[in-house]
Amino acid sequence: MKVLFIISSSDTAFWLSEVTHPYWHLTERGVEVDFASPAGGKVVYDPYSDPYFEHSMESEDLVSKGFLSDKTLVAKLDETLKLKDVDLDAYDAVHVAGGRGATFDLYPNEDVAAVLEHFWSKDKVVGAICHGAIALGNIPARIRGRRTTGYTLEGDLDLQRIFGSGFLIPHYPQTVLEDVGSIYSRVGANDPYVVKDGKLVTGQNQQSASEYALTLLHTMTGVSPVAVK
């Protein structure tokens, strides 16, 4: 199986664990992964998501540490595919990573809309996490009435209070998801939470990255190792 990751091209950056955790969980189970971005080429991650950064918010993230220790993997972030040039038929699912950059260039975005519409129309798995869930606002008719989650408005307002007036967020994921008519739900701002509605999988935040990735995988394969009575 093969999954296309959509990552923001914005210098405002993507969140590292929302790429590294899904990448690890999928590839260690034999799934191929390609990285794409609206502009193609180099993408940058938020320094606060770098476990080696002095002020990191994810200093204990062993998965991201492992990813960054592999020069071959890091090089993939320098050479992402240009989104509109990707052969979408080659993939079984799409995953949209978050980070604040997603609010700058993944919504509104016609190329992102076309990609998500393609996967949806082919009855393939569509996944998005944290601020990346804002990309679903590009296909309002598809997600209207569907259950979703994504980064909370509370969390965004807290970030803006912490970092000051220069910390811009042009579109809030929760607001966009609610405005287009999806059934948005959430838990605590920093608690893990994943919502699965058919072949649509969304994660609330970076704390959900591993749970989200495994749910995405199980939705793709139709198989879960968890036995439920």
C-alpha atoms as a PDB file:
ATOM      1  CA  MET A   1       0.000   0.000   0.000  1.00  0.00           C
ATOM      2  CA  LYS A   2       1.055   3.578  -0.546  1.00  0.00           C
ATOM      3  CA  VAL A   3       0.162   6.857   1.200  1.00  0.00           C
ATOM      4  CA  LEU A   4       0.628  10.450   0.075  1.00  0.00           C
ATOM      5  CA  PHE A   5       1.565  12.928   2.818  1.00  0.00           C
ATOM      6  CA  ILE A   6       0.597  16.566   2.215  1.00  0.00           C
ATOM      7  CA  ILE A   7       2.872  18.992   4.071  1.00  0.00           C
ATOM      8  CA  SER A   8       2.699  22.789   4.152  1.00  0.00           C
ATOM      9  CA  SER A   9       5.160  24.728   1.986  1.00  0.00           C
ATOM     10  CA  SER A  10       4.816  27.777   4.224  1.00  0.00           C
ATOM     11  CA  ASP A  11       7.862  29.084   6.075  1.00  0.00           C
ATOM     12  CA  THR A  12       5.514  29.218   9.052  1.00  0.00           C
ATOM     13  CA  ALA A  13       6.259  25.500   9.154  1.00  0.00           C
ATOM     14  CA  PHE A  14       4.719  22.097   9.739  1.00  0.00           C
ATOM     15  CA  TRP A  15       4.726  20.149  13.012  1.00  0.00           C
ATOM     16  CA  LEU A  16       7.373  17.445  12.945  1.00  0.00           C
ATOM     17  CA  SER A  17       5.641  14.646  14.885  1.00  0.00           C
ATOM     18  CA  GLU A  18       2.617  14.885  12.596  1.00  0.00           C
ATOM     19  CA  VAL A  19       4.899  13.651   9.811  1.00  0.00           C
ATOM     20  CA  THR A  20       7.318  11.427  11.716  1.00  0.00           C
ATOM     21  CA  HIS A  21       4.823   9.404  13.753  1.00  0.00           C
ATOM     22  CA  PRO A  22       2.563   8.503  10.814  1.00  0.00           C
ATOM     23  CA  TYR A  23       5.667   7.849   8.698  1.00  0.00           C
ATOM     24  CA  TRP A  24       7.044   5.411  11.277  1.00  0.00           C
ATOM     25  CA  HIS A  25       3.814   3.566  12.005  1.00  0.00           C
ATOM     26  CA  LEU A  26       3.052   3.128   8.307  1.00  0.00           C
ATOM     27  CA  THR A  27       6.490   2.310   6.929  1.00  0.00           C
ATOM     28  CA  GLU A  28       7.372  -0.194   9.654  1.00  0.00           C
ATOM     29  CA  ARG A  29       4.301  -2.117   8.503  1.00  0.00           C
ATOM     30  CA  GLY A  30       5.364  -2.098   4.865  1.00  0.00           C
ATOM     31  CA  VAL A  31       3.406   0.914   3.616  1.00  0.00           C
ATOM     32  CA  GLU A  32       5.228   3.200   1.169  1.00  0.00           C
ATOM     33  CA  VAL A  33       5.080   6.945   1.844  1.00  0.00           C
ATOM     34  CA  ASP A  34       5.757   9.948  -0.376  1.00  0.00           C
ATOM     35  CA  PHE A  35       5.915  13.579   0.751  1.00  0.00           C
ATOM     36  CA  ALA A  36       4.257  16.336  -1.275  1.00  0.00           C
ATOM     37  CA  SER A  37       3.674  20.036  -0.736  1.00  0.00           C
ATOM     38  CA  PRO A  38       1.901  22.803  -2.660  1.00  0.00           C
ATOM     39  CA  ALA A  39       5.157  24.302  -3.955  1.00  0.00           C
ATOM     40  CA  GLY A  40       7.269  21.145  -3.958  1.00  0.00           C
ATOM     41  CA  GLY A  41      10.864  21.067  -2.799  1.00  0.00           C
ATOM     42  CA  LYS A  42      12.027  21.928   0.712  1.00  0.00           C
ATOM     43  CA  VAL A  43       9.619  22.088   3.631  1.00  0.00           C
ATOM     44  CA  VAL A  44      10.533  23.284   7.117  1.00  0.00           C
ATOM     45  CA  TYR A  45       9.381  22.117  10.521  1.00  0.00           C
ATOM     46  CA  ASP A  46       8.501  24.289  13.487  1.00  0.00           C
ATOM     47  CA  PRO A  47      11.513  24.560  15.820  1.00  0.00           C
ATOM     48  CA  TYR A  48       9.210  24.004  18.792  1.00  0.00           C
ATOM     49  CA  SER A  49       8.463  20.553  17.365  1.00  0.00           C
ATOM     50  CA  ASP A  50      12.180  19.737  17.135  1.00  0.00           C
ATOM     51  CA  PRO A  51      13.065  17.532  20.129  1.00  0.00           C
ATOM     52  CA  TYR A  52      16.617  18.887  20.071  1.00  0.00           C
ATOM     53  CA  PHE A  53      15.558  22.547  20.293  1.00  0.00           C
ATOM     54  CA  GLU A  54      16.254  24.153  23.672  1.00  0.00           C
ATOM     55  CA  HIS A  55      12.630  25.258  24.052  1.00  0.00           C
ATOM     56  CA  SER A  56      11.060  22.245  22.367  1.00  0.00           C
ATOM     57  CA  MET A  57       7.495  21.299  23.222  1.00  0.00           C
ATOM     58  CA  GLU A  58       8.326  17.694  22.265  1.00  0.00           C
ATOM     59  CA  SER A  59      11.714  17.108  23.867  1.00  0.00           C
ATOM     60  CA  GLU A  60      10.864  13.470  24.679  1.00  0.00           C
ATOM     61  CA  ASP A  61       9.739  12.584  21.155  1.00  0.00           C
ATOM     62  CA  LEU A  62      11.909   9.547  20.405  1.00  0.00           C
ATOM     63  CA  VAL A  63      10.224   8.963  17.043  1.00  0.00           C
ATOM     64  CA  SER A  64      11.189  12.409  15.756  1.00  0.00           C
ATOM     65  CA  LYS A  65      14.674  11.988  17.198  1.00  0.00           C
ATOM     66  CA  GLY A  66      15.042   8.767  15.240  1.00  0.00           C
ATOM     67  CA  PHE A  67      13.758  10.373  12.041  1.00  0.00           C
ATOM     68  CA  LEU A  68      16.170  13.304  12.362  1.00  0.00           C
ATOM     69  CA  SER A  69      19.103  10.949  12.950  1.00  0.00           C
ATOM     70  CA  ASP A  70      18.624   9.393   9.498  1.00  0.00           C
ATOM     71  CA  LYS A  71      20.071  11.650   6.788  1.00  0.00           C
ATOM     72  CA  THR A  72      18.125   9.810   4.089  1.00  0.00           C
ATOM     73  CA  LEU A  73      14.828  10.574   5.802  1.00  0.00           C
ATOM     74  CA  VAL A  74      15.720  14.200   6.489  1.00  0.00           C
ATOM     75  CA  ALA A  75      16.609  14.594   2.807  1.00  0.00           C
ATOM     76  CA  LYS A  76      13.020  13.715   1.915  1.00  0.00           C
ATOM     77  CA  LEU A  77      11.988  17.022   3.509  1.00  0.00           C
ATOM     78  CA  ASP A  78      14.230  18.862   1.030  1.00  0.00           C
ATOM     79  CA  GLU A  79      12.710  17.289  -2.061  1.00  0.00           C
ATOM     80  CA  THR A  80       8.948  16.956  -1.634  1.00  0.00           C
ATOM     81  CA  LEU A  81       6.858  16.367  -4.725  1.00  0.00           C
ATOM     82  CA  LYS A  82       4.882  19.262  -6.150  1.00  0.00           C
ATOM     83  CA  LEU A  83       1.305  18.457  -5.220  1.00  0.00           C
ATOM     84  CA  LYS A  84      -0.402  19.216  -8.519  1.00  0.00           C
ATOM     85  CA  ASP A  85       2.092  17.012 -10.410  1.00  0.00           C
ATOM     86  CA  VAL A  86       1.498  13.881  -8.322  1.00  0.00           C
ATOM     87  CA  ASP A  87      -0.077  10.770  -9.879  1.00  0.00           C
ATOM     88  CA  LEU A  88      -2.842  10.371  -7.313  1.00  0.00           C
ATOM     89  CA  ASP A  89      -3.967   7.000  -8.648  1.00  0.00           C
ATOM     90  CA  ALA A  90      -0.741   5.509  -7.271  1.00  0.00           C
ATOM     91  CA  TYR A  91      -1.882   5.991  -3.664  1.00  0.00           C
ATOM     92  CA  ASP A  92      -4.312   4.233  -1.366  1.00  0.00           C
ATOM     93  CA  ALA A  93      -4.731   7.075   1.111  1.00  0.00           C
ATOM     94  CA  VAL A  94      -3.826  10.692   1.789  1.00  0.00           C
ATOM     95  CA  HIS A  95      -2.614  12.187   5.058  1.00  0.00           C
ATOM     96  CA  VAL A  96      -2.536  15.941   5.717  1.00  0.00           C
ATOM     97  CA  ALA A  97       0.002  16.992   8.350  1.00  0.00           C
ATOM     98  CA  GLY A  98      -0.535  20.028  10.526  1.00  0.00           C
ATOM     99  CA  GLY A  99       1.477  22.790  12.055  1.00  0.00           C
ATOM    100  CA  ARG A 100       0.639  26.478  11.805  1.00  0.00           C
ATOM    101  CA  GLY A 101       1.821  26.581   8.190  1.00  0.00           C
ATOM    102  CA  ALA A 102      -1.261  24.624   7.150  1.00  0.00           C
ATOM    103  CA  THR A 103      -3.441  27.617   8.006  1.00  0.00           C
ATOM    104  CA  PHE A 104      -1.485  29.705   5.507  1.00  0.00           C
ATOM    105  CA  ASP A 105      -1.298  27.535   2.392  1.00  0.00           C
ATOM    106  CA  LEU A 106      -3.437  24.410   2.713  1.00  0.00           C
ATOM    107  CA  TYR A 107      -6.715  26.346   2.993  1.00  0.00           C
ATOM    108  CA  PRO A 108      -8.103  27.711   0.816  1.00  0.00           C
ATOM    109  CA  ASN A 109      -6.143  25.889  -1.872  1.00  0.00           C
ATOM    110  CA  GLU A 110      -7.484  24.583  -5.196  1.00  0.00           C
ATOM    111  CA  ASP A 111      -4.716  21.989  -5.587  1.00  0.00           C
ATOM    112  CA  VAL A 112      -5.393  20.574  -2.131  1.00  0.00           C
ATOM    113  CA  ALA A 113      -9.105  20.560  -2.901  1.00  0.00           C
ATOM    114  CA  ALA A 114      -8.492  18.590  -6.096  1.00  0.00           C
ATOM    115  CA  VAL A 115      -6.368  16.015  -4.275  1.00  0.00           C
ATOM    116  CA  LEU A 116      -8.859  15.473  -1.467  1.00  0.00           C
ATOM    117  CA  GLU A 117     -11.751  15.283  -3.925  1.00  0.00           C
ATOM    118  CA  HIS A 118      -9.871  12.660  -5.931  1.00  0.00           C
ATOM    119  CA  PHE A 119      -9.324  10.404  -2.910  1.00  0.00           C
ATOM    120  CA  TRP A 120     -12.877  10.898  -1.688  1.00  0.00           C
ATOM    121  CA  SER A 121     -14.443  10.198  -5.078  1.00  0.00           C
ATOM    122  CA  LYS A 122     -12.362   7.009  -5.391  1.00  0.00           C
ATOM    123  CA  ASP A 123     -13.585   5.847  -1.958  1.00  0.00           C
ATOM    124  CA  LYS A 124     -10.053   5.941  -0.563  1.00  0.00           C
ATOM    125  CA  VAL A 125      -8.984   6.893   2.943  1.00  0.00           C
ATOM    126  CA  VAL A 126      -8.665  10.605   3.739  1.00  0.00           C
ATOM    127  CA  GLY A 127      -6.828  11.634   6.903  1.00  0.00           C
ATOM    128  CA  ALA A 128      -5.829  14.941   8.467  1.00  0.00           C
ATOM    129  CA  ILE A 129      -4.445  15.931  11.834  1.00  0.00           C
ATOM    130  CA  CYS A 130      -4.281  19.056  14.006  1.00  0.00           C
ATOM    131  CA  HIS A 131      -4.050  22.256  11.919  1.00  0.00           C
ATOM    132  CA  GLY A 132      -3.898  20.026   8.835  1.00  0.00           C
ATOM    133  CA  ALA A 133      -7.594  19.273   9.336  1.00  0.00           C
ATOM    134  CA  ILE A 134      -8.256  22.766   7.985  1.00  0.00           C
ATOM    135  CA  ALA A 135      -7.568  21.316   4.509  1.00  0.00           C
ATOM    136  CA  LEU A 136     -10.914  19.522   4.706  1.00  0.00           C
ATOM    137  CA  GLY A 137     -12.555  22.939   4.414  1.00  0.00           C
ATOM    138  CA  ASN A 138     -11.610  22.794   0.726  1.00  0.00           C
ATOM    139  CA  ILE A 139     -14.227  20.058   0.155  1.00  0.00           C
ATOM    140  CA  PRO A 140     -17.211  21.349   2.158  1.00  0.00           C
ATOM    141  CA  ALA A 141     -19.820  19.255   0.358  1.00  0.00           C
ATOM    142  CA  ARG A 142     -17.919  16.081   1.259  1.00  0.00           C
ATOM    143  CA  ILE A 143     -17.516  16.722   4.971  1.00  0.00           C
ATOM    144  CA  ARG A 144     -20.831  18.391   5.687  1.00  0.00           C
ATOM    145  CA  GLY A 145     -22.560  16.237   8.291  1.00  0.00           C
ATOM    146  CA  ARG A 146     -19.436  14.100   8.843  1.00  0.00           C
ATOM    147  CA  ARG A 147     -17.748  13.770  12.233  1.00  0.00           C
ATOM    148  CA  THR A 148     -14.388  15.560  12.502  1.00  0.00           C
ATOM    149  CA  THR A 149     -11.848  16.930  14.907  1.00  0.00           C
ATOM    150  CA  GLY A 150      -8.813  19.175  14.544  1.00  0.00           C
ATOM    151  CA  TYR A 151      -6.841  21.737  16.491  1.00  0.00           C
ATOM    152  CA  THR A 152      -9.096  23.588  18.890  1.00  0.00           C
ATOM    153  CA  LEU A 153      -9.960  27.267  18.780  1.00  0.00           C
ATOM    154  CA  GLU A 154      -9.057  27.356  22.466  1.00  0.00           C
ATOM    155  CA  GLY A 155      -5.575  26.082  21.641  1.00  0.00           C
ATOM    156  CA  ASP A 156      -5.082  28.615  18.849  1.00  0.00           C
ATOM    157  CA  LEU A 157      -6.168  31.534  21.024  1.00  0.00           C
ATOM    158  CA  ASP A 158      -3.831  30.339  23.780  1.00  0.00           C
ATOM    159  CA  LEU A 159      -0.935  30.240  21.299  1.00  0.00           C
ATOM    160  CA  GLN A 160      -1.684  33.773  20.176  1.00  0.00           C
ATOM    161  CA  ARG A 161      -1.744  34.972  23.779  1.00  0.00           C
ATOM    162  CA  ILE A 162       1.567  33.232  24.517  1.00  0.00           C
ATOM    163  CA  PHE A 163       3.463  34.391  21.418  1.00  0.00           C
ATOM    164  CA  GLY A 164       1.887  37.821  20.983  1.00  0.00           C
ATOM    165  CA  SER A 165       0.276  39.837  18.210  1.00  0.00           C
ATOM    166  CA  GLY A 166       2.837  38.791  15.615  1.00  0.00           C
ATOM    167  CA  PHE A 167       1.777  35.151  15.869  1.00  0.00           C
ATOM    168  CA  LEU A 168      -0.715  35.058  13.005  1.00  0.00           C
ATOM    169  CA  ILE A 169      -3.214  32.293  12.309  1.00  0.00           C
ATOM    170  CA  PRO A 170      -5.210  33.342   9.237  1.00  0.00           C
ATOM    171  CA  HIS A 171      -7.814  30.585   9.586  1.00  0.00           C
ATOM    172  CA  TYR A 172      -8.758  28.528  12.638  1.00  0.00           C
ATOM    173  CA  PRO A 173      -9.291  24.801  11.951  1.00  0.00           C
ATOM    174  CA  GLN A 174     -12.160  24.403  14.408  1.00  0.00           C
ATOM    175  CA  THR A 175     -13.962  27.438  12.982  1.00  0.00           C
ATOM    176  CA  VAL A 176     -13.518  26.267   9.384  1.00  0.00           C
ATOM    177  CA  LEU A 177     -14.679  22.719  10.164  1.00  0.00           C
ATOM    178  CA  GLU A 178     -17.756  24.039  11.958  1.00  0.00           C
ATOM    179  CA  ASP A 179     -18.550  26.674   9.315  1.00  0.00           C
ATOM    180  CA  VAL A 180     -18.614  24.108   6.494  1.00  0.00           C
ATOM    181  CA  GLY A 181     -21.074  21.989   8.442  1.00  0.00           C
ATOM    182  CA  SER A 182     -19.015  19.100   9.773  1.00  0.00           C
ATOM    183  CA  ILE A 183     -19.854  17.724  13.209  1.00  0.00           C
ATOM    184  CA  TYR A 184     -16.781  18.887  15.086  1.00  0.00           C
ATOM    185  CA  SER A 185     -15.889  17.433  18.486  1.00  0.00           C
ATOM    186  CA  ARG A 186     -12.917  17.732  20.818  1.00  0.00           C
ATOM    187  CA  VAL A 187     -11.500  16.849  24.200  1.00  0.00           C
ATOM    188  CA  GLY A 188      -9.006  18.822  26.301  1.00  0.00           C
ATOM    189  CA  ALA A 189      -6.840  21.080  24.179  1.00  0.00           C
ATOM    190  CA  ASN A 190      -3.714  18.962  24.697  1.00  0.00           C
ATOM    191  CA  ASP A 191      -5.296  15.527  25.097  1.00  0.00           C
ATOM    192  CA  PRO A 192      -5.092  12.860  22.367  1.00  0.00           C
ATOM    193  CA  TYR A 193      -8.292  12.383  20.396  1.00  0.00           C
ATOM    194  CA  VAL A 194      -9.063  10.702  17.069  1.00  0.00           C
ATOM    195  CA  VAL A 195     -12.341  10.608  15.163  1.00  0.00           C
ATOM    196  CA  LYS A 196     -13.108   8.004  12.506  1.00  0.00           C
ATOM    197  CA  ASP A 197     -16.139   8.478  10.286  1.00  0.00           C
ATOM    198  CA  GLY A 198     -16.114   5.817   7.592  1.00  0.00           C
ATOM    199  CA  LYS A 199     -12.944   6.378   5.589  1.00  0.00           C
ATOM    200  CA  LEU A 200     -12.392   9.854   7.030  1.00  0.00           C
ATOM    201  CA  VAL A 201      -9.887   9.955   9.895  1.00  0.00           C
ATOM    202  CA  THR A 202      -9.011  13.111  11.840  1.00  0.00           C
ATOM    203  CA  GLY A 203      -6.752  13.767  14.836  1.00  0.00           C
ATOM    204  CA  GLN A 204      -7.130  16.701  17.203  1.00  0.00           C
ATOM    205  CA  ASN A 205      -3.498  17.599  17.874  1.00  0.00           C
ATOM    206  CA  GLN A 206       0.119  16.476  17.852  1.00  0.00           C
ATOM    207  CA  GLN A 207      -0.503  14.462  21.011  1.00  0.00           C
ATOM    208  CA  SER A 208      -2.757  12.276  18.855  1.00  0.00           C
ATOM    209  CA  ALA A 209      -0.146  11.545  16.195  1.00  0.00           C
ATOM    210  CA  SER A 210       0.461   7.878  16.982  1.00  0.00           C
ATOM    211  CA  GLU A 211      -3.166   6.996  17.742  1.00  0.00           C
ATOM    212  CA  TYR A 212      -4.199   8.787  14.569  1.00  0.00           C
ATOM    213  CA  ALA A 213      -1.578   6.989  12.476  1.00  0.00           C
ATOM    214  CA  LEU A 214      -2.669   3.566  13.661  1.00  0.00           C
ATOM    215  CA  THR A 215      -6.328   4.399  13.080  1.00  0.00           C
ATOM    216  CA  LEU A 216      -5.416   5.552   9.566  1.00  0.00           C
ATOM    217  CA  LEU A 217      -3.581   2.286   8.960  1.00  0.00           C
ATOM    218  CA  HIS A 218      -6.425   0.124  10.264  1.00  0.00           C
ATOM    219  CA  THR A 219      -8.912   2.053   8.129  1.00  0.00           C
ATOM    220  CA  MET A 220      -6.749   1.419   5.075  1.00  0.00           C
ATOM    221  CA  THR A 221      -6.339  -2.297   5.711  1.00  0.00           C
ATOM    222  CA  GLY A 222      -9.755  -2.968   7.193  1.00  0.00           C
ATOM    223  CA  VAL A 223      -7.968  -4.930   9.926  1.00  0.00           C
ATOM    224  CA  SER A 224      -7.257  -4.060  13.556  1.00  0.00           C
ATOM    225  CA  PRO A 225      -5.259  -6.137  16.069  1.00  0.00           C
ATOM    226  CA  VAL A 226      -7.667  -5.071  18.799  1.00  0.00           C
ATOM    227  CA  ALA A 227     -10.315  -7.607  19.714  1.00  0.00           C
ATOM    228  CA  VAL A 228     -13.571  -6.054  20.892  1.00  0.00           C
ATOM    229  CA  LYS A 229     -16.220  -8.059  22.725  1.00  0.00           C
END
